[in-house]
Amino acid sequence: MKKSEELKSILCALLNERLSQREVQSLKDEGFEMKKPTRKAAVMIALYRKAASGDLSAIKEMRNILGEGSFEAVQRTVTIIDDISP
């Protein structure tokens, strides 16, 4: 087994561990109820919190996870209207 495969296996095992009752209660108190309270769910909640606070890298990562692509892939035309007089 390659080192990278071994590390991935270890990380997957860690992320799939169940949260402690104290951690589950803490998340419940904040309004997050889960059927399978795992470390992976806690990581996703932490990522959501960062994205909700305006962290652009967290927003991009959430978009990638959800399959919406990156901001670079979105092409929009911007029109600037400068008709407001002082």
PDB file of N, CA and C in Angstrom:
ATOM      1  N   MET A   1       0.849  -1.188   0.000  1.00  0.00           N
ATOM      2  CA  MET A   1       0.000   0.000   0.000  1.00  0.00           C
ATOM      3  C   MET A   1       0.887   1.240   0.000  1.00  0.00           C
ATOM      4  N   LYS A   2       0.598   2.178  -0.901  1.00  0.00           N
ATOM      5  CA  LYS A   2       1.351   3.430  -0.963  1.00  0.00           C
ATOM      6  C   LYS A   2       1.082   4.270   0.274  1.00  0.00           C
ATOM      7  N   LYS A   3       2.032   5.167   0.536  1.00  0.00           N
ATOM      8  CA  LYS A   3       1.875   6.059   1.684  1.00  0.00           C
ATOM      9  C   LYS A   3       0.611   6.905   1.566  1.00  0.00           C
ATOM     10  N   SER A   4       0.347   7.448   0.363  1.00  0.00           N
ATOM     11  CA  SER A   4      -0.829   8.307   0.189  1.00  0.00           C
ATOM     12  C   SER A   4      -2.124   7.512   0.380  1.00  0.00           C
ATOM     13  N   GLU A   5      -2.151   6.275  -0.055  1.00  0.00           N
ATOM     14  CA  GLU A   5      -3.342   5.432   0.136  1.00  0.00           C
ATOM     15  C   GLU A   5      -3.529   5.112   1.612  1.00  0.00           C
ATOM     16  N   GLU A   6      -2.404   4.880   2.301  1.00  0.00           N
ATOM     17  CA  GLU A   6      -2.467   4.585   3.730  1.00  0.00           C
ATOM     18  C   GLU A   6      -2.977   5.804   4.502  1.00  0.00           C
ATOM     19  N   LEU A   7      -2.469   6.988   4.151  1.00  0.00           N
ATOM     20  CA  LEU A   7      -2.929   8.217   4.812  1.00  0.00           C
ATOM     21  C   LEU A   7      -4.409   8.458   4.548  1.00  0.00           C
ATOM     22  N   LYS A   8      -4.834   8.227   3.313  1.00  0.00           N
ATOM     23  CA  LYS A   8      -6.249   8.401   2.967  1.00  0.00           C
ATOM     24  C   LYS A   8      -7.111   7.439   3.771  1.00  0.00           C
ATOM     25  N   SER A   9      -6.662   6.209   3.910  1.00  0.00           N
ATOM     26  CA  SER A   9      -7.400   5.208   4.674  1.00  0.00           C
ATOM     27  C   SER A   9      -7.533   5.618   6.141  1.00  0.00           C
ATOM     28  N   ILE A  10      -6.431   6.122   6.695  1.00  0.00           N
ATOM     29  CA  ILE A  10      -6.448   6.564   8.090  1.00  0.00           C
ATOM     30  C   ILE A  10      -7.380   7.755   8.262  1.00  0.00           C
ATOM     31  N   LEU A  11      -7.302   8.720   7.337  1.00  0.00           N
ATOM     32  CA  LEU A  11      -8.164   9.904   7.417  1.00  0.00           C
ATOM     33  C   LEU A  11      -9.635   9.513   7.306  1.00  0.00           C
ATOM     34  N   CYS A  12      -9.954   8.603   6.390  1.00  0.00           N
ATOM     35  CA  CYS A  12     -11.345   8.145   6.251  1.00  0.00           C
ATOM     36  C   CYS A  12     -11.829   7.492   7.539  1.00  0.00           C
ATOM     37  N   ALA A  13     -10.980   6.682   8.148  1.00  0.00           N
ATOM     38  CA  ALA A  13     -11.352   6.032   9.409  1.00  0.00           C
ATOM     39  C   ALA A  13     -11.606   7.074  10.499  1.00  0.00           C
ATOM     40  N   LEU A  14     -10.742   8.079  10.573  1.00  0.00           N
ATOM     41  CA  LEU A  14     -10.920   9.135  11.574  1.00  0.00           C
ATOM     42  C   LEU A  14     -12.207   9.923  11.343  1.00  0.00           C
ATOM     43  N   LEU A  15     -12.482  10.266  10.084  1.00  0.00           N
ATOM     44  CA  LEU A  15     -13.675  11.054   9.772  1.00  0.00           C
ATOM     45  C   LEU A  15     -14.962  10.277  10.009  1.00  0.00           C
ATOM     46  N   ASN A  16     -14.894   8.962   9.918  1.00  0.00           N
ATOM     47  CA  ASN A  16     -16.090   8.143  10.121  1.00  0.00           C
ATOM     48  C   ASN A  16     -16.342   7.784  11.578  1.00  0.00           C
ATOM     49  N   GLU A  17     -15.451   8.193  12.481  1.00  0.00           N
ATOM     50  CA  GLU A  17     -15.669   7.955  13.909  1.00  0.00           C
ATOM     51  C   GLU A  17     -16.879   8.745  14.384  1.00  0.00           C
ATOM     52  N   ARG A  18     -17.601   8.163  15.311  1.00  0.00           N
ATOM     53  CA  ARG A  18     -18.761   8.856  15.875  1.00  0.00           C
ATOM     54  C   ARG A  18     -18.292   9.918  16.869  1.00  0.00           C
ATOM     55  N   LEU A  19     -19.068  10.969  16.964  1.00  0.00           N
ATOM     56  CA  LEU A  19     -18.779  12.038  17.923  1.00  0.00           C
ATOM     57  C   LEU A  19     -19.151  11.583  19.327  1.00  0.00           C
ATOM     58  N   SER A  20     -18.517  12.186  20.308  1.00  0.00           N
ATOM     59  CA  SER A  20     -18.865  11.887  21.702  1.00  0.00           C
ATOM     60  C   SER A  20     -20.232  12.492  22.013  1.00  0.00           C
ATOM     61  N   GLN A  21     -20.855  12.015  23.057  1.00  0.00           N
ATOM     62  CA  GLN A  21     -22.162  12.553  23.463  1.00  0.00           C
ATOM     63  C   GLN A  21     -22.081  14.047  23.760  1.00  0.00           C
ATOM     64  N   ARG A  22     -20.972  14.459  24.355  1.00  0.00           N
ATOM     65  CA  ARG A  22     -20.782  15.882  24.673  1.00  0.00           C
ATOM     66  C   ARG A  22     -20.734  16.710  23.390  1.00  0.00           C
ATOM     67  N   GLU A  23     -20.001  16.212  22.366  1.00  0.00           N
ATOM     68  CA  GLU A  23     -19.916  16.927  21.089  1.00  0.00           C
ATOM     69  C   GLU A  23     -21.272  16.967  20.394  1.00  0.00           C
ATOM     70  N   VAL A  24     -21.994  15.850  20.447  1.00  0.00           N
ATOM     71  CA  VAL A  24     -23.325  15.786  19.834  1.00  0.00           C
ATOM     72  C   VAL A  24     -24.256  16.775  20.520  1.00  0.00           C
ATOM     73  N   GLN A  25     -24.215  16.825  21.857  1.00  0.00           N
ATOM     74  CA  GLN A  25     -25.077  17.752  22.599  1.00  0.00           C
ATOM     75  C   GLN A  25     -24.724  19.195  22.282  1.00  0.00           C
ATOM     76  N   SER A  26     -23.436  19.481  22.147  1.00  0.00           N
ATOM     77  CA  SER A  26     -22.994  20.834  21.818  1.00  0.00           C
ATOM     78  C   SER A  26     -23.547  21.261  20.453  1.00  0.00           C
ATOM     79  N   LEU A  27     -23.495  20.357  19.484  1.00  0.00           N
ATOM     80  CA  LEU A  27     -24.035  20.674  18.158  1.00  0.00           C
ATOM     81  C   LEU A  27     -25.557  20.804  18.197  1.00  0.00           C
ATOM     82  N   LYS A  28     -26.220  19.956  19.007  1.00  0.00           N
ATOM     83  CA  LYS A  28     -27.683  20.061  19.152  1.00  0.00           C
ATOM     84  C   LYS A  28     -28.064  21.412  19.736  1.00  0.00           C
ATOM     85  N   ASP A  29     -27.305  21.857  20.729  1.00  0.00           N
ATOM     86  CA  ASP A  29     -27.570  23.151  21.365  1.00  0.00           C
ATOM     87  C   ASP A  29     -27.459  24.301  20.361  1.00  0.00           C
ATOM     88  N   GLU A  30     -26.648  24.095  19.324  1.00  0.00           N
ATOM     89  CA  GLU A  30     -26.480  25.114  18.290  1.00  0.00           C
ATOM     90  C   GLU A  30     -27.473  24.936  17.142  1.00  0.00           C
ATOM     91  N   GLY A  31     -28.344  23.915  17.235  1.00  0.00           N
ATOM     92  CA  GLY A  31     -29.368  23.716  16.219  1.00  0.00           C
ATOM     93  C   GLY A  31     -29.044  22.681  15.164  1.00  0.00           C
ATOM     94  N   PHE A  32     -27.963  21.943  15.340  1.00  0.00           N
ATOM     95  CA  PHE A  32     -27.577  20.914  14.372  1.00  0.00           C
ATOM     96  C   PHE A  32     -27.927  19.543  14.938  1.00  0.00           C
ATOM     97  N   GLU A  33     -28.909  18.880  14.350  1.00  0.00           N
ATOM     98  CA  GLU A  33     -29.253  17.527  14.759  1.00  0.00           C
ATOM     99  C   GLU A  33     -28.933  16.593  13.611  1.00  0.00           C
ATOM    100  N   MET A  34     -28.267  15.496  13.929  1.00  0.00           N
ATOM    101  CA  MET A  34     -27.828  14.563  12.900  1.00  0.00           C
ATOM    102  C   MET A  34     -28.229  13.145  13.253  1.00  0.00           C
ATOM    103  N   LYS A  35     -28.520  12.358  12.229  1.00  0.00           N
ATOM    104  CA  LYS A  35     -28.809  10.941  12.436  1.00  0.00           C
ATOM    105  C   LYS A  35     -27.532  10.178  12.732  1.00  0.00           C
ATOM    106  N   LYS A  36     -26.466  10.496  11.981  1.00  0.00           N
ATOM    107  CA  LYS A  36     -25.164   9.849  12.184  1.00  0.00           C
ATOM    108  C   LYS A  36     -24.134  10.923  12.533  1.00  0.00           C
ATOM    109  N   PRO A  37     -23.984  11.231  13.807  1.00  0.00           N
ATOM    110  CA  PRO A  37     -23.042  12.289  14.199  1.00  0.00           C
ATOM    111  C   PRO A  37     -21.586  11.811  14.128  1.00  0.00           C
ATOM    112  N   THR A  38     -20.951  12.033  12.986  1.00  0.00           N
ATOM    113  CA  THR A  38     -19.564  11.629  12.786  1.00  0.00           C
ATOM    114  C   THR A  38     -18.654  12.847  12.737  1.00  0.00           C
ATOM    115  N   ARG A  39     -17.361  12.585  12.788  1.00  0.00           N
ATOM    116  CA  ARG A  39     -16.390  13.667  12.664  1.00  0.00           C
ATOM    117  C   ARG A  39     -16.511  14.346  11.303  1.00  0.00           C
ATOM    118  N   LYS A  40     -16.867  13.581  10.274  1.00  0.00           N
ATOM    119  CA  LYS A  40     -17.052  14.153   8.943  1.00  0.00           C
ATOM    120  C   LYS A  40     -18.172  15.197   8.976  1.00  0.00           C
ATOM    121  N   ALA A  41     -19.255  14.901   9.678  1.00  0.00           N
ATOM    122  CA  ALA A  41     -20.354  15.863   9.800  1.00  0.00           C
ATOM    123  C   ALA A  41     -19.894  17.113  10.549  1.00  0.00           C
ATOM    124  N   ALA A  42     -19.092  16.917  11.591  1.00  0.00           N
ATOM    125  CA  ALA A  42     -18.591  18.065  12.360  1.00  0.00           C
ATOM    126  C   ALA A  42     -17.675  18.939  11.503  1.00  0.00           C
ATOM    127  N   VAL A  43     -16.864  18.309  10.655  1.00  0.00           N
ATOM    128  CA  VAL A  43     -15.993  19.066   9.753  1.00  0.00           C
ATOM    129  C   VAL A  43     -16.841  19.869   8.769  1.00  0.00           C
ATOM    130  N   MET A  44     -17.896  19.273   8.248  1.00  0.00           N
ATOM    131  CA  MET A  44     -18.765  19.974   7.305  1.00  0.00           C
ATOM    132  C   MET A  44     -19.476  21.151   7.986  1.00  0.00           C
ATOM    133  N   ILE A  45     -19.866  20.977   9.229  1.00  0.00           N
ATOM    134  CA  ILE A  45     -20.495  22.076   9.975  1.00  0.00           C
ATOM    135  C   ILE A  45     -19.488  23.208  10.168  1.00  0.00           C
ATOM    136  N   ALA A  46     -18.247  22.860  10.491  1.00  0.00           N
ATOM    137  CA  ALA A  46     -17.203  23.884  10.661  1.00  0.00           C
ATOM    138  C   ALA A  46     -16.959  24.621   9.349  1.00  0.00           C
ATOM    139  N   LEU A  47     -16.957  23.876   8.236  1.00  0.00           N
ATOM    140  CA  LEU A  47     -16.785  24.499   6.922  1.00  0.00           C
ATOM    141  C   LEU A  47     -17.964  25.424   6.622  1.00  0.00           C
ATOM    142  N   TYR A  48     -19.173  24.981   6.939  1.00  0.00           N
ATOM    143  CA  TYR A  48     -20.366  25.806   6.730  1.00  0.00           C
ATOM    144  C   TYR A  48     -20.268  27.104   7.541  1.00  0.00           C
ATOM    145  N   ARG A  49     -19.844  26.986   8.796  1.00  0.00           N
ATOM    146  CA  ARG A  49     -19.718  28.183   9.640  1.00  0.00           C
ATOM    147  C   ARG A  49     -18.755  29.196   9.024  1.00  0.00           C
ATOM    148  N   LYS A  50     -17.610  28.691   8.544  1.00  0.00           N
ATOM    149  CA  LYS A  50     -16.633  29.594   7.925  1.00  0.00           C
ATOM    150  C   LYS A  50     -17.213  30.238   6.669  1.00  0.00           C
ATOM    151  N   ALA A  51     -17.912  29.446   5.856  1.00  0.00           N
ATOM    152  CA  ALA A  51     -18.515  29.981   4.632  1.00  0.00           C
ATOM    153  C   ALA A  51     -19.580  31.023   4.981  1.00  0.00           C
ATOM    154  N   ALA A  52     -20.385  30.733   5.991  1.00  0.00           N
ATOM    155  CA  ALA A  52     -21.445  31.653   6.399  1.00  0.00           C
ATOM    156  C   ALA A  52     -20.876  32.964   6.938  1.00  0.00           C
ATOM    157  N   SER A  53     -19.647  32.916   7.455  1.00  0.00           N
ATOM    158  CA  SER A  53     -19.035  34.148   7.969  1.00  0.00           C
ATOM    159  C   SER A  53     -18.395  34.961   6.856  1.00  0.00           C
ATOM    160  N   GLY A  54     -18.405  34.421   5.626  1.00  0.00           N
ATOM    161  CA  GLY A  54     -17.871  35.172   4.494  1.00  0.00           C
ATOM    162  C   GLY A  54     -16.500  34.720   4.027  1.00  0.00           C
ATOM    163  N   ASP A  55     -15.973  33.643   4.578  1.00  0.00           N
ATOM    164  CA  ASP A  55     -14.653  33.138   4.178  1.00  0.00           C
ATOM    165  C   ASP A  55     -14.745  32.604   2.748  1.00  0.00           C
ATOM    166  N   LEU A  56     -14.115  33.315   1.819  1.00  0.00           N
ATOM    167  CA  LEU A  56     -14.223  32.985   0.403  1.00  0.00           C
ATOM    168  C   LEU A  56     -13.692  31.593   0.079  1.00  0.00           C
ATOM    169  N   SER A  57     -12.587  31.187   0.689  1.00  0.00           N
ATOM    170  CA  SER A  57     -12.049  29.856   0.404  1.00  0.00           C
ATOM    171  C   SER A  57     -13.002  28.770   0.892  1.00  0.00           C
ATOM    172  N   ALA A  58     -13.685  29.003   2.008  1.00  0.00           N
ATOM    173  CA  ALA A  58     -14.669  28.030   2.499  1.00  0.00           C
ATOM    174  C   ALA A  58     -15.874  27.975   1.573  1.00  0.00           C
ATOM    175  N   ILE A  59     -16.287  29.124   1.057  1.00  0.00           N
ATOM    176  CA  ILE A  59     -17.408  29.159   0.116  1.00  0.00           C
ATOM    177  C   ILE A  59     -17.051  28.389  -1.145  1.00  0.00           C
ATOM    178  N   LYS A  60     -15.849  28.609  -1.665  1.00  0.00           N
ATOM    179  CA  LYS A  60     -15.403  27.887  -2.859  1.00  0.00           C
ATOM    180  C   LYS A  60     -15.367  26.383  -2.603  1.00  0.00           C
ATOM    181  N   GLU A  61     -14.862  25.995  -1.453  1.00  0.00           N
ATOM    182  CA  GLU A  61     -14.783  24.565  -1.127  1.00  0.00           C
ATOM    183  C   GLU A  61     -16.176  23.951  -1.033  1.00  0.00           C
ATOM    184  N   MET A  62     -17.108  24.650  -0.429  1.00  0.00           N
ATOM    185  CA  MET A  62     -18.490  24.135  -0.348  1.00  0.00           C
ATOM    186  C   MET A  62     -19.080  23.994  -1.744  1.00  0.00           C
ATOM    187  N   ARG A  63     -18.831  24.971  -2.603  1.00  0.00           N
ATOM    188  CA  ARG A  63     -19.334  24.888  -3.978  1.00  0.00           C
ATOM    189  C   ARG A  63     -18.738  23.688  -4.700  1.00  0.00           C
ATOM    190  N   ASN A  64     -17.458  23.430  -4.487  1.00  0.00           N
ATOM    191  CA  ASN A  64     -16.810  22.275  -5.111  1.00  0.00           C
ATOM    192  C   ASN A  64     -17.402  20.971  -4.589  1.00  0.00           C
ATOM    193  N   ILE A  65     -17.625  20.894  -3.298  1.00  0.00           N
ATOM    194  CA  ILE A  65     -18.206  19.692  -2.708  1.00  0.00           C
ATOM    195  C   ILE A  65     -19.603  19.451  -3.256  1.00  0.00           C
ATOM    196  N   LEU A  66     -20.369  20.520  -3.407  1.00  0.00           N
ATOM    197  CA  LEU A  66     -21.732  20.400  -3.915  1.00  0.00           C
ATOM    198  C   LEU A  66     -21.793  20.232  -5.422  1.00  0.00           C
ATOM    199  N   GLY A  67     -20.633  20.315  -6.080  1.00  0.00           N
ATOM    200  CA  GLY A  67     -20.590  20.107  -7.520  1.00  0.00           C
ATOM    201  C   GLY A  67     -20.992  21.317  -8.331  1.00  0.00           C
ATOM    202  N   GLU A  68     -20.936  22.482  -7.732  1.00  0.00           N
ATOM    203  CA  GLU A  68     -21.302  23.703  -8.446  1.00  0.00           C
ATOM    204  C   GLU A  68     -20.111  24.337  -9.133  1.00  0.00           C
ATOM    205  N   GLY A  69     -18.952  23.724  -9.021  1.00  0.00           N
ATOM    206  CA  GLY A  69     -17.764  24.273  -9.662  1.00  0.00           C
ATOM    207  C   GLY A  69     -17.213  25.449  -8.899  1.00  0.00           C
ATOM    208  N   SER A  70     -16.194  26.038  -9.462  1.00  0.00           N
ATOM    209  CA  SER A  70     -15.554  27.171  -8.801  1.00  0.00           C
ATOM    210  C   SER A  70     -16.085  28.479  -9.351  1.00  0.00           C
ATOM    211  N   PHE A  71     -15.752  29.551  -8.676  1.00  0.00           N
ATOM    212  CA  PHE A  71     -16.179  30.872  -9.129  1.00  0.00           C
ATOM    213  C   PHE A  71     -15.567  31.202 -10.482  1.00  0.00           C
ATOM    214  N   GLU A  72     -14.372  30.677 -10.737  1.00  0.00           N
ATOM    215  CA  GLU A  72     -13.710  30.957 -11.998  1.00  0.00           C
ATOM    216  C   GLU A  72     -14.507  30.404 -13.181  1.00  0.00           C
ATOM    217  N   ALA A  73     -15.258  29.326 -12.941  1.00  0.00           N
ATOM    218  CA  ALA A  73     -16.006  28.697 -14.027  1.00  0.00           C
ATOM    219  C   ALA A  73     -17.274  29.479 -14.379  1.00  0.00           C
ATOM    220  N   VAL A  74     -17.707  30.349 -13.478  1.00  0.00           N
ATOM    221  CA  VAL A  74     -18.924  31.121 -13.715  1.00  0.00           C
ATOM    222  C   VAL A  74     -18.562  32.369 -14.511  1.00  0.00           C
ATOM    223  N   GLN A  75     -19.214  32.544 -15.642  1.00  0.00           N
ATOM    224  CA  GLN A  75     -18.948  33.721 -16.468  1.00  0.00           C
ATOM    225  C   GLN A  75     -20.201  34.583 -16.492  1.00  0.00           C
ATOM    226  N   ARG A  76     -20.027  35.816 -16.098  1.00  0.00           N
ATOM    227  CA  ARG A  76     -21.147  36.752 -16.077  1.00  0.00           C
ATOM    228  C   ARG A  76     -20.684  38.073 -16.667  1.00  0.00           C
ATOM    229  N   THR A  77     -21.620  38.774 -17.250  1.00  0.00           N
ATOM    230  CA  THR A  77     -21.337  40.101 -17.763  1.00  0.00           C
ATOM    231  C   THR A  77     -21.790  41.112 -16.723  1.00  0.00           C
ATOM    232  N   VAL A  78     -20.916  42.063 -16.455  1.00  0.00           N
ATOM    233  CA  VAL A  78     -21.229  43.106 -15.483  1.00  0.00           C
ATOM    234  C   VAL A  78     -21.381  44.411 -16.237  1.00  0.00           C
ATOM    235  N   THR A  79     -22.504  45.083 -15.993  1.00  0.00           N
ATOM    236  CA  THR A  79     -22.742  46.398 -16.607  1.00  0.00           C
ATOM    237  C   THR A  79     -22.731  47.439 -15.506  1.00  0.00           C
ATOM    238  N   ILE A  80     -21.879  48.429 -15.675  1.00  0.00           N
ATOM    239  CA  ILE A  80     -21.782  49.502 -14.691  1.00  0.00           C
ATOM    240  C   ILE A  80     -22.560  50.705 -15.226  1.00  0.00           C
ATOM    241  N   ILE A  81     -23.517  51.149 -14.438  1.00  0.00           N
ATOM    242  CA  ILE A  81     -24.328  52.305 -14.836  1.00  0.00           C
ATOM    243  C   ILE A  81     -23.922  53.474 -13.952  1.00  0.00           C
ATOM    244  N   ASP A  82     -23.417  54.497 -14.610  1.00  0.00           N
ATOM    245  CA  ASP A  82     -22.924  55.673 -13.874  1.00  0.00           C
ATOM    246  C   ASP A  82     -23.795  56.875 -14.247  1.00  0.00           C
ATOM    247  N   ASP A  83     -25.045  56.819 -13.820  1.00  0.00           N
ATOM    248  CA  ASP A  83     -25.942  57.920 -14.157  1.00  0.00           C
ATOM    249  C   ASP A  83     -26.434  58.678 -12.943  1.00  0.00           C
ATOM    250  N   ILE A  84     -25.766  58.476 -11.820  1.00  0.00           N
ATOM    251  CA  ILE A  84     -26.162  59.171 -10.608  1.00  0.00           C
ATOM    252  C   ILE A  84     -25.332  60.449 -10.489  1.00  0.00           C
ATOM    253  N   SER A  85     -26.016  61.566 -10.485  1.00  0.00           N
ATOM    254  CA  SER A  85     -25.291  62.839 -10.373  1.00  0.00           C
ATOM    255  C   SER A  85     -25.198  63.232  -8.904  1.00  0.00           C
ATOM    256  N   PRO A  86     -24.110  63.930  -8.563  1.00  0.00           N
ATOM    257  CA  PRO A  86     -23.889  64.309  -7.166  1.00  0.00           C
ATOM    258  C   PRO A  86     -24.841  65.355  -6.666  1.00  0.00           C
TER     259      PRO A  86
END
